[in-house]
Amino acid sequence: MTDILVGYKKAMKVIDSCYNNNHLLGARNYISNFLRVNSTPADSKFYLQQFYVDDTVVKMYNELVDKLKQKEKSLLEL
């Protein structure tokens, strides 16, 4: 759980440090990697990889996505 929290806080810092669209793209990739690293692969079906994700990680991921959307909106207003 400690590693998840460290990754979550780092992702928040990455989002906060965005100043242009390239930074936002990097933050989006970082958030996706946060979810991938903190999930467990399941059996793949029809060439689609499926993952099991803890509810806490899903909640953190959703908060990161919301924060990224807010950051995108604030950069558009500049």
N, C-alpha and C. Protein backbone atom coordinates (compact mmCIF):
# COMPACT_ATOMS: atom_id res chain seq x y z
N MET A 1 0.82 -1.20 0.00
CA MET A 1 0.00 0.00 0.00
C MET A 1 0.86 1.25 0.00
N THR A 2 2.01 1.18 0.63
CA THR A 2 2.90 2.33 0.68
C THR A 2 3.38 2.71 -0.71
N ASP A 3 3.73 1.71 -1.54
CA ASP A 3 4.17 1.98 -2.89
C ASP A 3 3.08 2.63 -3.72
N ILE A 4 1.85 2.20 -3.50
CA ILE A 4 0.72 2.79 -4.23
C ILE A 4 0.56 4.25 -3.85
N LEU A 5 0.67 4.55 -2.58
CA LEU A 5 0.53 5.93 -2.12
C LEU A 5 1.66 6.81 -2.65
N VAL A 6 2.87 6.28 -2.67
CA VAL A 6 4.01 7.03 -3.22
C VAL A 6 3.77 7.33 -4.70
N GLY A 7 3.31 6.33 -5.46
CA GLY A 7 3.01 6.52 -6.87
C GLY A 7 1.89 7.51 -7.10
N TYR A 8 0.89 7.47 -6.24
CA TYR A 8 -0.24 8.40 -6.33
C TYR A 8 0.22 9.84 -6.11
N LYS A 9 1.01 10.04 -5.06
CA LYS A 9 1.51 11.39 -4.77
C LYS A 9 2.40 11.90 -5.89
N LYS A 10 3.22 11.02 -6.47
CA LYS A 10 4.08 11.40 -7.58
C LYS A 10 3.23 11.79 -8.79
N ALA A 11 2.18 11.04 -9.06
CA ALA A 11 1.29 11.36 -10.18
C ALA A 11 0.63 12.72 -9.97
N MET A 12 0.25 13.03 -8.75
CA MET A 12 -0.32 14.35 -8.45
C MET A 12 0.69 15.45 -8.75
N LYS A 13 1.95 15.23 -8.38
CA LYS A 13 3.00 16.21 -8.66
C LYS A 13 3.23 16.37 -10.15
N VAL A 14 3.18 15.26 -10.87
CA VAL A 14 3.35 15.31 -12.33
C VAL A 14 2.25 16.17 -12.95
N ILE A 15 1.02 15.97 -12.52
CA ILE A 15 -0.10 16.76 -13.05
C ILE A 15 0.07 18.23 -12.69
N ASP A 16 0.45 18.51 -11.45
CA ASP A 16 0.62 19.89 -11.02
C ASP A 16 1.72 20.62 -11.82
N SER A 17 2.69 19.88 -12.32
CA SER A 17 3.82 20.50 -13.01
C SER A 17 3.56 20.74 -14.50
N CYS A 18 2.38 20.40 -15.00
CA CYS A 18 2.07 20.57 -16.42
C CYS A 18 1.85 22.03 -16.78
N TYR A 19 2.48 22.45 -17.89
CA TYR A 19 2.32 23.83 -18.37
C TYR A 19 1.93 23.92 -19.83
N ASN A 20 1.90 22.79 -20.56
CA ASN A 20 1.47 22.80 -21.96
C ASN A 20 0.91 21.43 -22.33
N ASN A 21 0.48 21.31 -23.60
CA ASN A 21 -0.16 20.07 -24.05
C ASN A 21 0.78 18.87 -24.02
N ASN A 22 2.06 19.09 -24.30
CA ASN A 22 3.02 17.99 -24.24
C ASN A 22 3.15 17.46 -22.81
N HIS A 23 3.15 18.35 -21.85
CA HIS A 23 3.20 17.94 -20.45
C HIS A 23 1.95 17.15 -20.08
N LEU A 24 0.80 17.60 -20.57
CA LEU A 24 -0.45 16.89 -20.28
C LEU A 24 -0.44 15.48 -20.86
N LEU A 25 0.13 15.33 -22.05
CA LEU A 25 0.25 14.00 -22.65
C LEU A 25 1.13 13.09 -21.80
N GLY A 26 2.23 13.63 -21.30
CA GLY A 26 3.10 12.86 -20.41
C GLY A 26 2.40 12.49 -19.12
N ALA A 27 1.62 13.41 -18.58
CA ALA A 27 0.88 13.13 -17.34
C ALA A 27 -0.17 12.05 -17.58
N ARG A 28 -0.82 12.10 -18.74
CA ARG A 28 -1.82 11.07 -19.07
C ARG A 28 -1.16 9.69 -19.15
N ASN A 29 0.02 9.63 -19.75
CA ASN A 29 0.76 8.37 -19.82
C ASN A 29 1.17 7.90 -18.43
N TYR A 30 1.59 8.83 -17.59
CA TYR A 30 2.00 8.49 -16.22
C TYR A 30 0.82 7.90 -15.44
N ILE A 31 -0.36 8.49 -15.61
CA ILE A 31 -1.55 8.00 -14.93
C ILE A 31 -1.91 6.59 -15.42
N SER A 32 -1.81 6.38 -16.72
CA SER A 32 -2.08 5.05 -17.28
C SER A 32 -1.11 4.02 -16.72
N ASN A 33 0.15 4.41 -16.62
CA ASN A 33 1.15 3.51 -16.06
C ASN A 33 0.90 3.24 -14.58
N PHE A 34 0.42 4.24 -13.86
CA PHE A 34 0.06 4.06 -12.45
C PHE A 34 -0.97 2.94 -12.32
N LEU A 35 -1.98 2.97 -13.18
CA LEU A 35 -3.02 1.95 -13.13
C LEU A 35 -2.45 0.58 -13.51
N ARG A 36 -1.64 0.54 -14.56
CA ARG A 36 -1.09 -0.74 -15.03
C ARG A 36 -0.17 -1.37 -14.00
N VAL A 37 0.68 -0.57 -13.38
CA VAL A 37 1.64 -1.08 -12.40
C VAL A 37 0.94 -1.60 -11.15
N ASN A 38 -0.18 -0.99 -10.79
CA ASN A 38 -0.89 -1.36 -9.57
C ASN A 38 -2.07 -2.30 -9.83
N SER A 39 -2.02 -3.03 -10.94
CA SER A 39 -3.05 -4.01 -11.24
C SER A 39 -2.40 -5.37 -11.47
N THR A 40 -3.23 -6.39 -11.49
CA THR A 40 -2.77 -7.77 -11.68
C THR A 40 -3.36 -8.31 -12.98
N PRO A 41 -2.52 -8.80 -13.89
CA PRO A 41 -3.06 -9.36 -15.14
C PRO A 41 -3.95 -10.56 -14.89
N ALA A 42 -5.02 -10.64 -15.65
CA ALA A 42 -5.93 -11.78 -15.60
C ALA A 42 -5.77 -12.55 -16.91
N ASP A 43 -6.54 -13.60 -17.06
CA ASP A 43 -6.50 -14.34 -18.32
C ASP A 43 -6.99 -13.46 -19.46
N SER A 44 -6.29 -13.50 -20.57
CA SER A 44 -6.72 -12.72 -21.72
C SER A 44 -7.70 -13.53 -22.55
N LYS A 45 -8.68 -12.84 -23.10
CA LYS A 45 -9.69 -13.48 -23.94
C LYS A 45 -9.78 -12.72 -25.25
N PHE A 46 -9.77 -13.44 -26.33
CA PHE A 46 -9.90 -12.84 -27.64
C PHE A 46 -8.85 -11.75 -27.88
N TYR A 47 -7.65 -12.03 -27.43
CA TYR A 47 -6.49 -11.14 -27.62
C TYR A 47 -6.61 -9.82 -26.86
N LEU A 48 -7.53 -9.72 -25.93
CA LEU A 48 -7.65 -8.54 -25.09
C LEU A 48 -7.12 -8.86 -23.71
N GLN A 49 -6.20 -8.06 -23.24
CA GLN A 49 -5.65 -8.28 -21.90
C GLN A 49 -6.59 -7.68 -20.86
N GLN A 50 -6.91 -8.44 -19.85
CA GLN A 50 -7.77 -7.97 -18.77
C GLN A 50 -6.95 -7.90 -17.49
N PHE A 51 -7.35 -7.01 -16.59
CA PHE A 51 -6.63 -6.80 -15.35
C PHE A 51 -7.59 -6.78 -14.17
N TYR A 52 -7.10 -7.23 -13.03
CA TYR A 52 -7.81 -7.07 -11.77
C TYR A 52 -7.22 -5.86 -11.06
N VAL A 53 -8.09 -4.97 -10.60
CA VAL A 53 -7.63 -3.76 -9.94
C VAL A 53 -8.36 -3.60 -8.62
N ASP A 54 -7.61 -3.31 -7.57
CA ASP A 54 -8.19 -3.08 -6.24
C ASP A 54 -9.06 -1.82 -6.28
N ASP A 55 -10.12 -1.81 -5.49
CA ASP A 55 -11.03 -0.66 -5.46
C ASP A 55 -10.32 0.63 -5.04
N THR A 56 -9.36 0.53 -4.15
CA THR A 56 -8.61 1.71 -3.71
C THR A 56 -7.82 2.30 -4.87
N VAL A 57 -7.21 1.45 -5.67
CA VAL A 57 -6.44 1.92 -6.83
C VAL A 57 -7.37 2.56 -7.85
N VAL A 58 -8.55 1.99 -8.04
CA VAL A 58 -9.52 2.56 -8.98
C VAL A 58 -9.93 3.96 -8.51
N LYS A 59 -10.16 4.10 -7.22
CA LYS A 59 -10.54 5.41 -6.68
C LYS A 59 -9.42 6.42 -6.88
N MET A 60 -8.18 6.02 -6.60
CA MET A 60 -7.04 6.91 -6.81
C MET A 60 -6.91 7.28 -8.28
N TYR A 61 -7.06 6.29 -9.17
CA TYR A 61 -6.96 6.54 -10.61
C TYR A 61 -8.02 7.55 -11.05
N ASN A 62 -9.25 7.37 -10.59
CA ASN A 62 -10.32 8.30 -10.96
C ASN A 62 -10.04 9.71 -10.46
N GLU A 63 -9.47 9.83 -9.27
CA GLU A 63 -9.10 11.15 -8.75
C GLU A 63 -8.00 11.79 -9.61
N LEU A 64 -7.06 10.98 -10.05
CA LEU A 64 -5.99 11.49 -10.92
C LEU A 64 -6.56 11.97 -12.26
N VAL A 65 -7.47 11.20 -12.81
CA VAL A 65 -8.08 11.59 -14.09
C VAL A 65 -8.87 12.89 -13.92
N ASP A 66 -9.61 13.01 -12.84
CA ASP A 66 -10.36 14.24 -12.58
C ASP A 66 -9.42 15.44 -12.43
N LYS A 67 -8.32 15.25 -11.72
CA LYS A 67 -7.36 16.34 -11.53
C LYS A 67 -6.73 16.72 -12.87
N LEU A 68 -6.45 15.73 -13.71
CA LEU A 68 -5.88 16.02 -15.02
C LEU A 68 -6.87 16.81 -15.88
N LYS A 69 -8.14 16.45 -15.82
CA LYS A 69 -9.17 17.19 -16.57
C LYS A 69 -9.25 18.63 -16.09
N GLN A 70 -9.17 18.84 -14.79
CA GLN A 70 -9.18 20.20 -14.24
C GLN A 70 -7.97 20.99 -14.73
N LYS A 71 -6.82 20.33 -14.77
CA LYS A 71 -5.59 20.99 -15.23
C LYS A 71 -5.71 21.35 -16.70
N GLU A 72 -6.25 20.44 -17.51
CA GLU A 72 -6.46 20.72 -18.93
C GLU A 72 -7.37 21.93 -19.11
N LYS A 73 -8.42 21.98 -18.33
CA LYS A 73 -9.37 23.10 -18.41
C LYS A 73 -8.68 24.40 -18.01
N SER A 74 -7.89 24.38 -16.96
CA SER A 74 -7.22 25.60 -16.51
C SER A 74 -6.19 26.08 -17.52
N LEU A 75 -5.54 25.16 -18.24
CA LEU A 75 -4.57 25.56 -19.26
C LEU A 75 -5.27 26.13 -20.49
N LEU A 76 -6.47 25.67 -20.78
CA LEU A 76 -7.23 26.22 -21.91
C LEU A 76 -7.67 27.65 -21.65
N GLU A 77 -7.87 27.98 -20.39
CA GLU A 77 -8.33 29.32 -20.02
C GLU A 77 -7.22 30.37 -20.11
N LEU A 78 -5.98 29.91 -20.16
CA LEU A 78 -4.85 30.87 -20.22
C LEU A 78 -4.74 31.52 -21.56
